[in-house]
Amino acid sequence: MFQSTPLWQDVWGEHLHHGLYPGGKPRSDHKQAQVDMVDAVLDWSAVKEVTSVLDVGCGVGGSSRHIARRFGASAKGVTLSPVQVQRADSLSAEAGLSDRCSFEVADALELPFASSSFDLVWSLESGEHMPDKRRFMAEMARVCKPGGRIILVTWCCRSLQPGETALSADEQRLLDQLCKAYYLPQWASIDQYKAIATDLQLQGIRTDDWSADVQPFWRAVIDTALTPRGVFGLLNSLRAGLGTIRGALVMPLMQRGLRRGLIKFNLLTATK
């Protein structure tokens, strides 16, 4: 993802995540679809007021800035990429938000903040990158203020059905291919995340499945990659490495996984 950030920004803008396509209906305003995703998640989570937010896996700070604007809040973002931090700071300065939005390189599994520091701890499409899901959620809970809200939106594999002990061999092969292409650790289901949240004694845990509402996103990304602008960008990314191109080539696998119900786009919210 870090290698492909400049290409993504050039085509899609400052939000490094899925767009929202209600009911799975295609739309052409893809950048707005990404903004709509942020707002829809906040609305679904019943967020009414925020003074301080931590954006875990902030990318170039698109969600941080949007939440800061919407609520008049201060926002901190963390990412493993110095390149993303630099770009996030630059975009925040351009938006006149440097006084309220700041970013730093940090490990989400060992957040450099005191306990009970933030009203809202937000993670949009970062959980799938975390090798230790429990430690990831435990850190989010630790830095959240008592009564504060935690929001997790992440790719998941499907939950096991009664009588099942594992995914099928074919399903696991598809997930393994995606892990290799996108440098992901083992996948988790929303039931596993919910069990972790329960174990951490979080309150009012709610989950949802928006898989149908993001399916058109991957078709749109593939179509963009096949335009002259996209092809030039992918070829140019060879200078940064082959990871970006490999990721682009397996996009149809994401579509296949979503269509067959193996891959889920899940939400979890709770209070501390």
C-alpha atoms as a PDB file:
ATOM      1  CA  MET A   1       0.000   0.000   0.000  1.00  0.00           C
ATOM      2  CA  PHE A   2       2.809   2.451   0.880  1.00  0.00           C
ATOM      3  CA  GLN A   3       4.348   2.000  -2.588  1.00  0.00           C
ATOM      4  CA  SER A   4       1.027   2.620  -4.324  1.00  0.00           C
ATOM      5  CA  THR A   5      -0.007   5.671  -2.269  1.00  0.00           C
ATOM      6  CA  PRO A   6       1.152   8.284  -4.844  1.00  0.00           C
ATOM      7  CA  LEU A   7      -0.671   6.486  -7.681  1.00  0.00           C
ATOM      8  CA  TRP A   8      -3.834   6.093  -5.598  1.00  0.00           C
ATOM      9  CA  GLN A   9      -3.847   9.767  -4.619  1.00  0.00           C
ATOM     10  CA  ASP A  10      -3.356  10.857  -8.197  1.00  0.00           C
ATOM     11  CA  VAL A  11      -6.439   8.962  -9.351  1.00  0.00           C
ATOM     12  CA  TRP A  12      -8.683   8.691  -6.265  1.00  0.00           C
ATOM     13  CA  GLY A  13      -7.719  11.486  -3.907  1.00  0.00           C
ATOM     14  CA  GLU A  14      -7.000  11.627  -0.173  1.00  0.00           C
ATOM     15  CA  HIS A  15      -9.134   8.694   1.056  1.00  0.00           C
ATOM     16  CA  LEU A  16      -7.329   5.337   0.931  1.00  0.00           C
ATOM     17  CA  HIS A  17     -10.379   3.143   1.459  1.00  0.00           C
ATOM     18  CA  HIS A  18     -13.591   1.781  -0.080  1.00  0.00           C
ATOM     19  CA  GLY A  19     -16.363   4.029  -1.297  1.00  0.00           C
ATOM     20  CA  LEU A  20     -20.017   3.543  -0.387  1.00  0.00           C
ATOM     21  CA  TYR A  21     -22.382   2.288  -3.101  1.00  0.00           C
ATOM     22  CA  PRO A  22     -25.758   1.859  -1.342  1.00  0.00           C
ATOM     23  CA  GLY A  23     -27.495  -1.325  -2.397  1.00  0.00           C
ATOM     24  CA  GLY A  24     -24.555  -2.210  -4.629  1.00  0.00           C
ATOM     25  CA  LYS A  25     -25.607   0.327  -7.259  1.00  0.00           C
ATOM     26  CA  PRO A  26     -22.724   1.735  -9.357  1.00  0.00           C
ATOM     27  CA  ARG A  27     -21.962   5.445  -9.193  1.00  0.00           C
ATOM     28  CA  SER A  28     -19.430   7.585 -11.024  1.00  0.00           C
ATOM     29  CA  ASP A  29     -18.500  10.034  -8.247  1.00  0.00           C
ATOM     30  CA  HIS A  30     -16.015   7.701  -6.598  1.00  0.00           C
ATOM     31  CA  LYS A  31     -14.211  10.313  -4.499  1.00  0.00           C
ATOM     32  CA  GLN A  32     -17.541  11.411  -3.028  1.00  0.00           C
ATOM     33  CA  ALA A  33     -18.400   7.751  -2.439  1.00  0.00           C
ATOM     34  CA  GLN A  34     -15.343   7.536  -0.187  1.00  0.00           C
ATOM     35  CA  VAL A  35     -16.400  10.627   1.770  1.00  0.00           C
ATOM     36  CA  ASP A  36     -19.900   9.178   2.035  1.00  0.00           C
ATOM     37  CA  MET A  37     -18.393   6.026   3.531  1.00  0.00           C
ATOM     38  CA  VAL A  38     -16.827   8.009   6.381  1.00  0.00           C
ATOM     39  CA  ASP A  39     -20.075   9.862   7.106  1.00  0.00           C
ATOM     40  CA  ALA A  40     -22.202   6.724   6.887  1.00  0.00           C
ATOM     41  CA  VAL A  41     -19.961   4.868   9.349  1.00  0.00           C
ATOM     42  CA  LEU A  42     -20.104   7.781  11.786  1.00  0.00           C
ATOM     43  CA  ASP A  43     -23.893   7.926  11.471  1.00  0.00           C
ATOM     44  CA  TRP A  44     -24.260   4.156  11.889  1.00  0.00           C
ATOM     45  CA  SER A  45     -22.099   4.339  15.000  1.00  0.00           C
ATOM     46  CA  ALA A  46     -24.313   7.126  16.409  1.00  0.00           C
ATOM     47  CA  VAL A  47     -21.399   9.527  16.880  1.00  0.00           C
ATOM     48  CA  LYS A  48     -22.903  12.844  17.946  1.00  0.00           C
ATOM     49  CA  GLU A  49     -20.000  14.778  19.433  1.00  0.00           C
ATOM     50  CA  VAL A  50     -16.228  14.404  19.310  1.00  0.00           C
ATOM     51  CA  THR A  51     -13.464  16.595  20.686  1.00  0.00           C
ATOM     52  CA  SER A  52     -10.463  14.314  20.108  1.00  0.00           C
ATOM     53  CA  VAL A  53     -10.018  11.470  17.621  1.00  0.00           C
ATOM     54  CA  LEU A  54      -7.263   8.963  16.956  1.00  0.00           C
ATOM     55  CA  ASP A  55      -7.148   7.613  13.394  1.00  0.00           C
ATOM     56  CA  VAL A  56      -5.334   4.259  13.552  1.00  0.00           C
ATOM     57  CA  GLY A  57      -3.869   3.509  10.130  1.00  0.00           C
ATOM     58  CA  CYS A  58      -4.533   7.037   8.892  1.00  0.00           C
ATOM     59  CA  GLY A  59      -3.047   6.821   5.390  1.00  0.00           C
ATOM     60  CA  VAL A  60      -2.673  10.411   4.208  1.00  0.00           C
ATOM     61  CA  GLY A  61      -5.198  11.685   6.745  1.00  0.00           C
ATOM     62  CA  GLY A  62      -8.393  11.899   4.719  1.00  0.00           C
ATOM     63  CA  SER A  63     -10.631  10.523   7.480  1.00  0.00           C
ATOM     64  CA  SER A  64      -8.830  12.551  10.150  1.00  0.00           C
ATOM     65  CA  ARG A  65      -9.441  15.823   8.349  1.00  0.00           C
ATOM     66  CA  HIS A  66     -13.048  14.980   7.535  1.00  0.00           C
ATOM     67  CA  ILE A  67     -13.882  14.078  11.135  1.00  0.00           C
ATOM     68  CA  ALA A  68     -12.040  17.167  12.397  1.00  0.00           C
ATOM     69  CA  ARG A  69     -14.117  19.364  10.086  1.00  0.00           C
ATOM     70  CA  ARG A  70     -17.423  17.647  10.844  1.00  0.00           C
ATOM     71  CA  PHE A  71     -17.132  17.865  14.630  1.00  0.00           C
ATOM     72  CA  GLY A  72     -14.655  20.703  15.139  1.00  0.00           C
ATOM     73  CA  ALA A  73     -12.383  18.123  16.766  1.00  0.00           C
ATOM     74  CA  SER A  74      -8.647  17.682  17.067  1.00  0.00           C
ATOM     75  CA  ALA A  75      -7.272  14.616  15.312  1.00  0.00           C
ATOM     76  CA  LYS A  76      -4.131  12.545  15.523  1.00  0.00           C
ATOM     77  CA  GLY A  77      -3.248   9.915  12.950  1.00  0.00           C
ATOM     78  CA  VAL A  78      -0.734   7.077  13.012  1.00  0.00           C
ATOM     79  CA  THR A  79       0.747   5.056  10.168  1.00  0.00           C
ATOM     80  CA  LEU A  80       3.905   3.016   9.609  1.00  0.00           C
ATOM     81  CA  SER A  81       4.785   5.088   6.528  1.00  0.00           C
ATOM     82  CA  PRO A  82       6.916   8.265   6.819  1.00  0.00           C
ATOM     83  CA  VAL A  83       5.834   9.092   3.254  1.00  0.00           C
ATOM     84  CA  GLN A  84       2.175   9.041   4.272  1.00  0.00           C
ATOM     85  CA  VAL A  85       2.875  11.182   7.346  1.00  0.00           C
ATOM     86  CA  GLN A  86       4.644  13.777   5.226  1.00  0.00           C
ATOM     87  CA  ARG A  87       1.791  13.869   2.738  1.00  0.00           C
ATOM     88  CA  ALA A  88      -0.844  13.967   5.493  1.00  0.00           C
ATOM     89  CA  ASP A  89       0.872  16.968   7.069  1.00  0.00           C
ATOM     90  CA  SER A  90       1.092  18.707   3.705  1.00  0.00           C
ATOM     91  CA  LEU A  91      -2.584  18.141   2.851  1.00  0.00           C
ATOM     92  CA  SER A  92      -3.628  19.306   6.306  1.00  0.00           C
ATOM     93  CA  ALA A  93      -1.629  22.513   5.870  1.00  0.00           C
ATOM     94  CA  GLU A  94      -3.262  23.096   2.480  1.00  0.00           C
ATOM     95  CA  ALA A  95      -6.676  22.612   4.110  1.00  0.00           C
ATOM     96  CA  GLY A  96      -5.871  25.024   6.939  1.00  0.00           C
ATOM     97  CA  LEU A  97      -6.109  22.234   9.511  1.00  0.00           C
ATOM     98  CA  SER A  98      -2.524  21.987  10.765  1.00  0.00           C
ATOM     99  CA  ASP A  99      -3.594  23.376  14.126  1.00  0.00           C
ATOM    100  CA  ARG A 100      -6.054  20.511  14.638  1.00  0.00           C
ATOM    101  CA  CYS A 101      -4.614  17.560  12.683  1.00  0.00           C
ATOM    102  CA  SER A 102      -1.230  15.962  13.310  1.00  0.00           C
ATOM    103  CA  PHE A 103       0.319  12.702  12.190  1.00  0.00           C
ATOM    104  CA  GLU A 104       3.182  10.476  13.209  1.00  0.00           C
ATOM    105  CA  VAL A 105       4.890   7.198  12.453  1.00  0.00           C
ATOM    106  CA  ALA A 106       3.792   4.679  15.057  1.00  0.00           C
ATOM    107  CA  ASP A 107       2.965   1.002  15.524  1.00  0.00           C
ATOM    108  CA  ALA A 108      -0.752   0.401  16.079  1.00  0.00           C
ATOM    109  CA  LEU A 109       0.168  -2.535  18.313  1.00  0.00           C
ATOM    110  CA  GLU A 110       2.084  -0.190  20.647  1.00  0.00           C
ATOM    111  CA  LEU A 111       0.432   3.213  20.439  1.00  0.00           C
ATOM    112  CA  PRO A 112       2.572   6.089  21.821  1.00  0.00           C
ATOM    113  CA  PHE A 113      -0.291   7.715  23.738  1.00  0.00           C
ATOM    114  CA  ALA A 114      -1.399   7.723  27.344  1.00  0.00           C
ATOM    115  CA  SER A 115      -4.373   5.622  28.341  1.00  0.00           C
ATOM    116  CA  SER A 116      -7.798   7.297  28.105  1.00  0.00           C
ATOM    117  CA  SER A 117      -6.662  10.017  25.674  1.00  0.00           C
ATOM    118  CA  PHE A 118      -9.335  10.126  22.941  1.00  0.00           C
ATOM    119  CA  ASP A 119     -13.126  10.446  22.678  1.00  0.00           C
ATOM    120  CA  LEU A 120     -13.146   8.487  19.419  1.00  0.00           C
ATOM    121  CA  VAL A 121     -10.705   5.797  18.313  1.00  0.00           C
ATOM    122  CA  TRP A 122     -11.260   5.133  14.616  1.00  0.00           C
ATOM    123  CA  SER A 123      -9.800   2.521  12.293  1.00  0.00           C
ATOM    124  CA  LEU A 124     -10.998   2.295   8.697  1.00  0.00           C
ATOM    125  CA  GLU A 125      -9.499  -0.590   6.693  1.00  0.00           C
ATOM    126  CA  SER A 126      -6.423  -1.145   8.832  1.00  0.00           C
ATOM    127  CA  GLY A 127      -7.421  -4.140  10.949  1.00  0.00           C
ATOM    128  CA  GLU A 128      -6.723  -6.544   8.090  1.00  0.00           C
ATOM    129  CA  HIS A 129      -3.061  -5.459   8.180  1.00  0.00           C
ATOM    130  CA  MET A 130      -2.615  -6.216  11.889  1.00  0.00           C
ATOM    131  CA  PRO A 131      -0.804  -9.477  12.703  1.00  0.00           C
ATOM    132  CA  ASP A 132      -2.167  -9.546  16.265  1.00  0.00           C
ATOM    133  CA  LYS A 133      -5.861  -8.649  16.205  1.00  0.00           C
ATOM    134  CA  ARG A 134      -6.315  -8.835  19.974  1.00  0.00           C
ATOM    135  CA  ARG A 135      -3.375  -6.560  20.740  1.00  0.00           C
ATOM    136  CA  PHE A 136      -4.589  -4.147  18.047  1.00  0.00           C
ATOM    137  CA  MET A 137      -8.042  -3.880  19.633  1.00  0.00           C
ATOM    138  CA  ALA A 138      -6.607  -3.817  23.153  1.00  0.00           C
ATOM    139  CA  GLU A 139      -4.493  -0.791  22.237  1.00  0.00           C
ATOM    140  CA  MET A 140      -7.501   0.951  20.710  1.00  0.00           C
ATOM    141  CA  ALA A 141      -9.445   0.302  23.910  1.00  0.00           C
ATOM    142  CA  ARG A 142      -6.573   1.426  26.136  1.00  0.00           C
ATOM    143  CA  VAL A 143      -6.251   4.898  24.573  1.00  0.00           C
ATOM    144  CA  CYS A 144     -10.036   5.427  24.411  1.00  0.00           C
ATOM    145  CA  LYS A 145     -11.543   7.503  27.223  1.00  0.00           C
ATOM    146  CA  PRO A 146     -14.139   5.865  29.477  1.00  0.00           C
ATOM    147  CA  GLY A 147     -17.451   6.386  27.725  1.00  0.00           C
ATOM    148  CA  GLY A 148     -15.628   7.040  24.446  1.00  0.00           C
ATOM    149  CA  ARG A 149     -16.377   5.232  21.218  1.00  0.00           C
ATOM    150  CA  ILE A 150     -14.331   2.733  19.214  1.00  0.00           C
ATOM    151  CA  ILE A 151     -15.084   2.189  15.533  1.00  0.00           C
ATOM    152  CA  LEU A 152     -13.491  -0.592  13.514  1.00  0.00           C
ATOM    153  CA  VAL A 153     -14.197  -1.087   9.800  1.00  0.00           C
ATOM    154  CA  THR A 154     -12.211  -3.868   8.204  1.00  0.00           C
ATOM    155  CA  TRP A 155     -12.053  -6.632   5.634  1.00  0.00           C
ATOM    156  CA  CYS A 156     -12.945  -9.979   7.189  1.00  0.00           C
ATOM    157  CA  CYS A 157     -13.340 -13.552   6.079  1.00  0.00           C
ATOM    158  CA  ARG A 158     -16.773 -15.084   6.564  1.00  0.00           C
ATOM    159  CA  SER A 159     -17.719 -16.489   9.945  1.00  0.00           C
ATOM    160  CA  LEU A 160     -17.803 -20.257  10.314  1.00  0.00           C
ATOM    161  CA  GLN A 161     -21.211 -21.903  10.274  1.00  0.00           C
ATOM    162  CA  PRO A 162     -22.408 -24.383  12.919  1.00  0.00           C
ATOM    163  CA  GLY A 163     -20.559 -27.654  12.402  1.00  0.00           C
ATOM    164  CA  GLU A 164     -17.665 -26.067  10.500  1.00  0.00           C
ATOM    165  CA  THR A 165     -14.174 -26.114  11.979  1.00  0.00           C
ATOM    166  CA  ALA A 166     -12.385 -24.246   9.170  1.00  0.00           C
ATOM    167  CA  LEU A 167     -12.885 -22.592   5.809  1.00  0.00           C
ATOM    168  CA  SER A 168     -12.793 -24.869   2.771  1.00  0.00           C
ATOM    169  CA  ALA A 169      -9.439 -25.541   1.126  1.00  0.00           C
ATOM    170  CA  ASP A 170     -10.523 -23.523  -1.928  1.00  0.00           C
ATOM    171  CA  GLU A 171     -11.533 -20.573   0.228  1.00  0.00           C
ATOM    172  CA  GLN A 172      -8.250 -20.670   2.115  1.00  0.00           C
ATOM    173  CA  ARG A 173      -6.267 -20.741  -1.148  1.00  0.00           C
ATOM    174  CA  LEU A 174      -8.015 -17.573  -2.321  1.00  0.00           C
ATOM    175  CA  LEU A 175      -7.293 -15.816   0.980  1.00  0.00           C
ATOM    176  CA  ASP A 176      -3.667 -16.938   0.833  1.00  0.00           C
ATOM    177  CA  GLN A 177      -3.335 -15.420  -2.642  1.00  0.00           C
ATOM    178  CA  LEU A 178      -4.703 -12.120  -1.357  1.00  0.00           C
ATOM    179  CA  CYS A 179      -2.392 -12.209   1.659  1.00  0.00           C
ATOM    180  CA  LYS A 180       0.597 -12.611  -0.632  1.00  0.00           C
ATOM    181  CA  ALA A 181      -0.487  -9.840  -3.002  1.00  0.00           C
ATOM    182  CA  TYR A 182      -1.405  -7.305  -0.322  1.00  0.00           C
ATOM    183  CA  TYR A 183       1.136  -8.332   2.329  1.00  0.00           C
ATOM    184  CA  LEU A 184      -1.606  -9.294   4.767  1.00  0.00           C
ATOM    185  CA  PRO A 185      -1.387 -11.550   7.833  1.00  0.00           C
ATOM    186  CA  GLN A 186      -4.045 -14.148   8.607  1.00  0.00           C
ATOM    187  CA  TRP A 187      -7.646 -13.041   8.106  1.00  0.00           C
ATOM    188  CA  ALA A 188     -10.212 -12.878  10.925  1.00  0.00           C
ATOM    189  CA  SER A 189     -14.006 -13.007  10.943  1.00  0.00           C
ATOM    190  CA  ILE A 190     -16.267 -10.398  12.526  1.00  0.00           C
ATOM    191  CA  ASP A 191     -17.268 -13.022  15.086  1.00  0.00           C
ATOM    192  CA  GLN A 192     -13.631 -13.229  16.156  1.00  0.00           C
ATOM    193  CA  TYR A 193     -13.404  -9.436  16.454  1.00  0.00           C
ATOM    194  CA  LYS A 194     -16.645  -9.400  18.462  1.00  0.00           C
ATOM    195  CA  ALA A 195     -15.274 -12.049  20.814  1.00  0.00           C
ATOM    196  CA  ILE A 196     -12.168  -9.930  21.381  1.00  0.00           C
ATOM    197  CA  ALA A 197     -14.287  -6.829  22.063  1.00  0.00           C
ATOM    198  CA  THR A 198     -16.361  -8.822  24.562  1.00  0.00           C
ATOM    199  CA  ASP A 199     -13.233 -10.123  26.270  1.00  0.00           C
ATOM    200  CA  LEU A 200     -11.964  -6.533  26.554  1.00  0.00           C
ATOM    201  CA  GLN A 201     -15.234  -5.687  28.340  1.00  0.00           C
ATOM    202  CA  LEU A 202     -16.317  -3.135  25.751  1.00  0.00           C
ATOM    203  CA  GLN A 203     -19.947  -2.118  26.003  1.00  0.00           C
ATOM    204  CA  GLY A 204     -22.836  -1.897  23.535  1.00  0.00           C
ATOM    205  CA  ILE A 205     -21.026  -3.918  20.872  1.00  0.00           C
ATOM    206  CA  ARG A 206     -22.711  -3.765  17.469  1.00  0.00           C
ATOM    207  CA  THR A 207     -21.614  -5.203  14.137  1.00  0.00           C
ATOM    208  CA  ASP A 208     -22.821  -4.990  10.559  1.00  0.00           C
ATOM    209  CA  ASP A 209     -22.025  -6.298   7.103  1.00  0.00           C
ATOM    210  CA  TRP A 210     -21.750  -3.742   4.275  1.00  0.00           C
ATOM    211  CA  SER A 211     -20.246  -6.117   1.729  1.00  0.00           C
ATOM    212  CA  ALA A 212     -22.997  -5.510  -0.827  1.00  0.00           C
ATOM    213  CA  ASP A 213     -22.516  -1.753  -0.473  1.00  0.00           C
ATOM    214  CA  VAL A 214     -18.833  -1.850  -1.496  1.00  0.00           C
ATOM    215  CA  GLN A 215     -18.843  -4.434  -4.304  1.00  0.00           C
ATOM    216  CA  PRO A 216     -18.921  -1.829  -7.138  1.00  0.00           C
ATOM    217  CA  PHE A 217     -15.767  -0.247  -5.707  1.00  0.00           C
ATOM    218  CA  TRP A 218     -13.467  -2.989  -6.979  1.00  0.00           C
ATOM    219  CA  ARG A 219     -14.970  -2.862 -10.474  1.00  0.00           C
ATOM    220  CA  ALA A 220     -14.343   0.896 -10.457  1.00  0.00           C
ATOM    221  CA  VAL A 221     -10.732   0.432  -9.344  1.00  0.00           C
ATOM    222  CA  ILE A 222     -10.130  -2.138 -12.094  1.00  0.00           C
ATOM    223  CA  ASP A 223     -11.705   0.157 -14.714  1.00  0.00           C
ATOM    224  CA  THR A 224      -9.479   3.009 -13.538  1.00  0.00           C
ATOM    225  CA  ALA A 225      -6.378   0.821 -13.742  1.00  0.00           C
ATOM    226  CA  LEU A 226      -7.200   0.047 -17.385  1.00  0.00           C
ATOM    227  CA  THR A 227      -7.384   3.706 -18.460  1.00  0.00           C
ATOM    228  CA  PRO A 228      -4.284   5.255 -20.101  1.00  0.00           C
ATOM    229  CA  ARG A 229      -3.684   7.264 -16.934  1.00  0.00           C
ATOM    230  CA  GLY A 230      -3.925   4.164 -14.767  1.00  0.00           C
ATOM    231  CA  VAL A 231      -1.737   2.003 -17.013  1.00  0.00           C
ATOM    232  CA  PHE A 232       0.936   4.714 -17.143  1.00  0.00           C
ATOM    233  CA  GLY A 233       0.836   4.999 -13.361  1.00  0.00           C
ATOM    234  CA  LEU A 234       1.174   1.250 -12.884  1.00  0.00           C
ATOM    235  CA  LEU A 235       4.101   1.036 -15.284  1.00  0.00           C
ATOM    236  CA  ASN A 236       5.721   4.007 -13.616  1.00  0.00           C
ATOM    237  CA  SER A 237       5.325   2.291 -10.252  1.00  0.00           C
ATOM    238  CA  LEU A 238       7.962  -0.236 -11.328  1.00  0.00           C
ATOM    239  CA  ARG A 239      10.439   2.307 -10.026  1.00  0.00           C
ATOM    240  CA  ALA A 240       8.976   1.774  -6.556  1.00  0.00           C
ATOM    241  CA  GLY A 241       8.639  -2.001  -6.864  1.00  0.00           C
ATOM    242  CA  LEU A 242       6.448  -4.755  -8.267  1.00  0.00           C
ATOM    243  CA  GLY A 243       4.112  -4.858  -5.265  1.00  0.00           C
ATOM    244  CA  THR A 244       1.745  -2.249  -6.684  1.00  0.00           C
ATOM    245  CA  ILE A 245       1.348  -4.098  -9.981  1.00  0.00           C
ATOM    246  CA  ARG A 246       0.926  -7.455  -8.250  1.00  0.00           C
ATOM    247  CA  GLY A 247      -1.796  -5.923  -6.085  1.00  0.00           C
ATOM    248  CA  ALA A 248      -3.553  -4.531  -9.147  1.00  0.00           C
ATOM    249  CA  LEU A 249      -3.486  -7.877 -10.932  1.00  0.00           C
ATOM    250  CA  VAL A 250      -5.288  -9.697  -8.105  1.00  0.00           C
ATOM    251  CA  MET A 251      -8.120  -7.174  -7.778  1.00  0.00           C
ATOM    252  CA  PRO A 252     -10.475  -9.628  -9.546  1.00  0.00           C
ATOM    253  CA  LEU A 253      -9.821 -12.035  -6.677  1.00  0.00           C
ATOM    254  CA  MET A 254     -11.272  -9.474  -4.264  1.00  0.00           C
ATOM    255  CA  GLN A 255     -14.350  -9.266  -6.477  1.00  0.00           C
ATOM    256  CA  ARG A 256     -14.639 -13.056  -6.541  1.00  0.00           C
ATOM    257  CA  GLY A 257     -14.282 -13.321  -2.777  1.00  0.00           C
ATOM    258  CA  LEU A 258     -16.957 -10.688  -2.201  1.00  0.00           C
ATOM    259  CA  ARG A 259     -19.357 -12.285  -4.692  1.00  0.00           C
ATOM    260  CA  ARG A 260     -19.116 -15.717  -3.130  1.00  0.00           C
ATOM    261  CA  GLY A 261     -19.477 -14.390   0.425  1.00  0.00           C
ATOM    262  CA  LEU A 262     -15.984 -15.361   1.535  1.00  0.00           C
ATOM    263  CA  ILE A 263     -14.759 -11.786   1.945  1.00  0.00           C
ATOM    264  CA  LYS A 264     -16.799  -9.430   4.086  1.00  0.00           C
ATOM    265  CA  PHE A 265     -16.692  -5.691   4.622  1.00  0.00           C
ATOM    266  CA  ASN A 266     -17.610  -5.544   8.307  1.00  0.00           C
ATOM    267  CA  LEU A 267     -18.164  -2.850  10.910  1.00  0.00           C
ATOM    268  CA  LEU A 268     -17.861  -3.002  14.684  1.00  0.00           C
ATOM    269  CA  THR A 269     -18.576  -0.250  17.180  1.00  0.00           C
ATOM    270  CA  ALA A 270     -18.547  -0.213  20.971  1.00  0.00           C
ATOM    271  CA  THR A 271     -17.973   2.081  23.920  1.00  0.00           C
ATOM    272  CA  LYS A 272     -15.419   1.749  26.674  1.00  0.00           C
END
